[in-house]
Amino acid sequence: MSLIKRNHSREITIKTHTNPYAHGSVIINCGNTSVHVTACVEEDIPRWLKQKGHGWVTAEYAMLPSSTHERIRRERKGVSGRSQEIQRLIGRSLRACVDLDKLGPRSIHVDCDVLVADGGTRTTSITGAYVALALCINKLIEEGKITESPLIEGLAAISIGINKEGKVIADLNYEEDSSCETDMNIVMTQSGKFVEVQGTAEGHPFSHEQLMALLDCAKQTLEPIFEIQEKAIKS
């Protein structure tokens, strides 16, 4: 008997070119969760990369004050530990699918701002960030700043959990995430390779069989998401 109860995401829409000043921009909606993502180019690289000669991709993440039921204070005195952890995850994930040598001595800054949070904000940010990054790179090619795309392959992410009945469900909303026994965030490439797997047993420990079911569920759920990303980029 299958351990997987739900292997599909909430409805996903990706609206492109939402910001006229960014090289690439999207608003991605996954269920009620909504994130605005921009990708901007800086013709410079961090000082510690000067001798290496290749490019850099980095990310920032923030939740807007009205993105949750109760107003969130802006992080004016510095990035919180949670935001720092998530933006590092986004940056690592994006760099895993980019040939930084082909990017040349320039930086791409990807900013993910959560408009509405209903679970899966970090995974939705990564999925949208890849599209914004791809649009940004297409713009660089159009402008003649690079001759070929440094993108290696597609990238997306999904949240997976185990509910109290021991069943695996994909793309958790806030209510499901709050009540799950296990919460896992999985970042994958389009060829099925894992970039990052973050999993924690909030209640009962999970078995090897459940772990395999979580990974299988993520792969099944992400396959149509890659198609949605491709259509958004081509549009």
Protein backbone atom coordinates (compact mmCIF):
# COMPACT_ATOMS: atom_id res chain seq x y z
CA MET A 1 0.00 0.00 0.00
CA SER A 2 1.36 3.41 -1.02
CA LEU A 3 2.43 5.83 1.69
CA ILE A 4 1.78 8.80 -0.62
CA LYS A 5 -1.57 10.51 -0.13
CA ARG A 6 -1.05 13.62 -2.30
CA ASN A 7 1.63 14.00 -4.98
CA HIS A 8 0.56 17.23 -6.65
CA SER A 9 1.06 20.87 -5.79
CA ARG A 10 -1.51 23.53 -5.20
CA GLU A 11 -2.39 25.57 -8.29
CA ILE A 12 0.71 27.38 -9.54
CA THR A 13 0.71 30.51 -11.69
CA ILE A 14 3.76 32.49 -12.78
CA LYS A 15 3.32 36.01 -14.14
CA THR A 16 6.49 37.29 -15.83
CA HIS A 17 7.92 40.79 -16.45
CA THR A 18 6.22 42.27 -13.40
CA ASN A 19 8.92 44.88 -12.78
CA PRO A 20 10.09 47.15 -15.65
CA TYR A 21 13.39 47.97 -13.95
CA ALA A 22 14.60 44.43 -13.21
CA HIS A 23 16.35 42.26 -15.80
CA GLY A 24 14.02 39.42 -14.82
CA SER A 25 10.93 39.46 -12.64
CA VAL A 26 7.93 37.29 -11.73
CA ILE A 27 5.07 36.99 -9.32
CA ILE A 28 4.61 33.32 -8.48
CA ASN A 29 1.47 32.07 -6.77
CA CYS A 30 1.33 28.62 -5.21
CA GLY A 31 -2.09 28.22 -3.68
CA ASN A 32 -2.51 31.28 -1.48
CA THR A 33 1.24 31.83 -1.15
CA SER A 34 2.47 34.66 -3.35
CA VAL A 35 6.06 35.83 -3.88
CA HIS A 36 7.45 38.69 -5.99
CA VAL A 37 10.90 37.87 -7.36
CA THR A 38 13.30 40.17 -9.21
CA ALA A 39 16.73 39.47 -10.70
CA CYS A 40 19.06 42.43 -11.25
CA VAL A 41 22.52 42.53 -12.81
CA GLU A 42 25.50 44.34 -11.33
CA GLU A 43 28.57 44.63 -13.55
CA ASP A 44 30.85 43.79 -10.65
CA ILE A 45 31.65 40.87 -8.37
CA PRO A 46 32.49 40.60 -4.65
CA ARG A 47 36.07 41.54 -3.77
CA TRP A 48 36.95 38.00 -2.72
CA LEU A 49 36.06 36.76 -6.24
CA LYS A 50 38.19 39.29 -8.13
CA GLN A 51 41.07 36.87 -8.71
CA LYS A 52 38.81 34.04 -9.88
CA GLY A 53 37.23 35.92 -12.74
CA HIS A 54 33.85 34.19 -12.68
CA GLY A 55 30.44 35.57 -11.86
CA TRP A 56 28.23 35.34 -8.80
CA VAL A 57 24.58 34.73 -8.02
CA THR A 58 23.19 35.69 -4.64
CA ALA A 59 19.75 36.10 -3.08
CA GLU A 60 17.84 38.02 -0.45
CA TYR A 61 14.52 37.03 1.13
CA ALA A 62 11.97 38.97 3.13
CA MET A 63 8.36 38.71 4.23
CA LEU A 64 6.33 41.88 3.80
CA PRO A 65 4.57 43.22 6.92
CA SER A 66 1.08 42.16 5.77
CA SER A 67 2.09 38.75 4.41
CA THR A 68 0.74 36.86 7.45
CA HIS A 69 -2.30 37.05 9.75
CA GLU A 70 -0.45 39.34 12.13
CA ARG A 71 1.70 42.20 10.88
CA ILE A 72 5.42 41.39 10.67
CA ARG A 73 7.86 44.12 11.60
CA ARG A 74 10.34 45.08 8.91
CA GLU A 75 13.88 43.86 9.58
CA ARG A 76 15.42 47.32 9.81
CA LYS A 77 18.09 46.36 12.33
CA GLY A 78 19.40 43.43 10.31
CA VAL A 79 18.21 40.21 8.77
CA SER A 80 16.69 37.70 11.17
CA GLY A 81 18.20 34.24 11.56
CA ARG A 82 15.28 32.67 9.67
CA SER A 83 15.52 35.09 6.74
CA GLN A 84 19.28 34.65 6.58
CA GLU A 85 18.93 30.87 6.50
CA ILE A 86 16.34 31.03 3.70
CA GLN A 87 18.20 33.50 1.52
CA ARG A 88 21.36 31.42 1.81
CA LEU A 89 19.34 28.39 0.73
CA ILE A 90 17.98 30.28 -2.29
CA GLY A 91 21.44 31.50 -3.29
CA ARG A 92 23.03 28.04 -2.94
CA SER A 93 20.24 26.48 -4.95
CA LEU A 94 20.52 28.96 -7.81
CA ARG A 95 24.31 28.67 -8.00
CA ALA A 96 23.94 24.90 -8.34
CA CYS A 97 22.29 25.36 -11.73
CA VAL A 98 24.58 28.09 -13.10
CA ASP A 99 28.01 27.85 -14.76
CA LEU A 100 29.54 30.88 -13.07
CA ASP A 101 32.47 30.96 -15.52
CA LYS A 102 30.07 31.53 -18.44
CA LEU A 103 28.34 34.30 -16.51
CA GLY A 104 31.50 36.37 -16.61
CA PRO A 105 32.68 38.92 -14.02
CA ARG A 106 29.23 40.14 -13.01
CA SER A 107 26.72 39.49 -10.23
CA ILE A 108 23.04 38.67 -10.37
CA HIS A 109 21.08 39.68 -7.29
CA VAL A 110 17.80 37.82 -6.80
CA ASP A 111 15.31 39.36 -4.36
CA CYS A 112 12.37 37.32 -3.08
CA ASP A 113 9.65 39.27 -1.27
CA VAL A 114 6.77 37.28 0.16
CA LEU A 115 3.47 39.06 -0.50
CA VAL A 116 1.22 36.41 1.07
CA ALA A 117 2.40 33.48 3.20
CA ASP A 118 0.37 30.29 3.41
CA GLY A 119 3.12 27.68 3.68
CA GLY A 120 6.03 26.88 1.38
CA THR A 121 7.40 30.41 1.10
CA ARG A 122 11.02 29.27 0.71
CA THR A 123 10.21 26.58 -1.86
CA THR A 124 7.90 28.90 -3.81
CA SER A 125 10.66 31.52 -3.74
CA ILE A 126 13.19 29.10 -5.22
CA THR A 127 10.81 27.97 -7.97
CA GLY A 128 10.05 31.58 -8.90
CA ALA A 129 13.67 32.66 -8.51
CA TYR A 130 14.79 30.20 -11.18
CA VAL A 131 12.33 31.70 -13.67
CA ALA A 132 13.40 35.28 -12.84
CA LEU A 133 17.04 34.23 -13.17
CA ALA A 134 16.40 32.60 -16.56
CA LEU A 135 14.64 35.74 -17.82
CA CYS A 136 17.54 37.84 -16.56
CA ILE A 137 20.06 35.68 -18.41
CA ASN A 138 17.99 35.84 -21.59
CA LYS A 139 18.17 39.63 -21.29
CA LEU A 140 21.96 39.50 -20.95
CA ILE A 141 22.16 37.42 -24.13
CA GLU A 142 19.86 39.86 -25.98
CA GLU A 143 22.10 42.74 -24.90
CA GLY A 144 25.19 40.89 -26.16
CA LYS A 145 26.84 40.81 -22.74
CA ILE A 146 27.16 37.02 -22.82
CA THR A 147 27.14 34.73 -25.85
CA GLU A 148 25.58 31.60 -24.33
CA SER A 149 23.38 30.76 -21.40
CA PRO A 150 25.21 29.77 -18.21
CA LEU A 151 22.15 27.86 -17.00
CA ILE A 152 22.93 24.17 -16.60
CA GLU A 153 19.41 22.86 -16.06
CA GLY A 154 16.07 23.66 -14.49
CA LEU A 155 15.61 24.04 -10.74
CA ALA A 156 12.54 23.95 -8.50
CA ALA A 157 11.59 23.17 -4.91
CA ILE A 158 8.65 21.73 -2.99
CA SER A 159 7.63 21.15 0.61
CA ILE A 160 6.65 17.61 1.59
CA GLY A 161 5.26 16.34 4.89
CA ILE A 162 3.95 13.34 6.78
CA ASN A 163 0.57 13.86 8.39
CA LYS A 164 -0.67 12.35 11.64
CA GLU A 165 -1.99 9.31 9.75
CA GLY A 166 1.54 8.59 8.49
CA LYS A 167 0.73 9.58 4.89
CA VAL A 168 2.98 11.70 2.69
CA ILE A 169 1.49 14.91 1.27
CA ALA A 170 3.02 17.46 -1.08
CA ASP A 171 3.04 21.26 -1.00
CA LEU A 172 1.91 21.96 2.54
CA ASN A 173 -0.18 24.99 3.31
CA TYR A 174 0.20 26.72 6.69
CA GLU A 175 -2.40 24.59 8.46
CA GLU A 176 -0.95 21.32 7.13
CA ASP A 177 2.60 22.41 7.92
CA SER A 178 1.62 23.26 11.51
CA SER A 179 0.10 19.83 12.15
CA CYS A 180 2.51 17.55 10.25
CA GLU A 181 4.66 14.98 12.04
CA THR A 182 7.49 15.56 9.54
CA ASP A 183 8.30 18.63 7.47
CA MET A 184 10.73 18.47 4.54
CA ASN A 185 11.88 20.99 1.91
CA ILE A 186 13.41 19.49 -1.22
CA VAL A 187 15.27 21.33 -4.00
CA MET A 188 15.80 19.37 -7.21
CA THR A 189 17.12 19.83 -10.71
CA GLN A 190 15.06 18.97 -13.76
CA SER A 191 17.11 15.81 -14.33
CA GLY A 192 16.08 14.56 -10.89
CA LYS A 193 19.21 15.38 -8.89
CA PHE A 194 18.94 16.73 -5.36
CA VAL A 195 20.40 20.12 -4.54
CA GLU A 196 19.20 20.28 -0.95
CA VAL A 197 17.10 18.12 1.35
CA GLN A 198 15.98 19.68 4.64
CA GLY A 199 13.88 17.36 6.79
CA THR A 200 12.88 17.34 10.43
CA ALA A 201 10.66 15.07 12.52
CA GLU A 202 8.47 17.48 14.44
CA GLY A 203 6.65 14.60 16.15
CA HIS A 204 7.39 10.91 15.69
CA PRO A 205 10.65 9.98 13.91
CA PHE A 206 10.18 8.89 10.29
CA SER A 207 11.28 5.55 8.86
CA HIS A 208 13.54 4.77 5.92
CA GLU A 209 10.45 3.71 3.98
CA GLN A 210 8.79 7.05 4.70
CA LEU A 211 11.97 8.91 3.71
CA MET A 212 11.97 7.17 0.32
CA ALA A 213 8.27 8.00 -0.07
CA LEU A 214 9.00 11.67 0.71
CA LEU A 215 11.71 11.81 -1.97
CA ASP A 216 9.55 9.99 -4.52
CA CYS A 217 6.63 12.30 -3.81
CA ALA A 218 8.84 15.36 -4.34
CA LYS A 219 10.05 14.06 -7.70
CA GLN A 220 6.50 13.30 -8.88
CA THR A 221 5.22 16.68 -7.72
CA LEU A 222 8.02 18.68 -9.32
CA GLU A 223 7.76 17.17 -12.81
CA PRO A 224 4.75 19.30 -13.89
CA ILE A 225 6.20 22.33 -12.10
CA PHE A 226 9.25 22.24 -14.39
CA GLU A 227 6.84 22.38 -17.35
CA ILE A 228 5.09 25.42 -15.86
CA GLN A 229 8.47 27.13 -15.45
CA GLU A 230 9.47 26.41 -19.06
CA LYS A 231 6.22 27.88 -20.40
CA ALA A 232 6.67 30.99 -18.27
CA ILE A 233 10.24 31.50 -19.51
CA LYS A 234 9.24 31.03 -23.17
CA SER A 235 6.38 33.49 -22.80
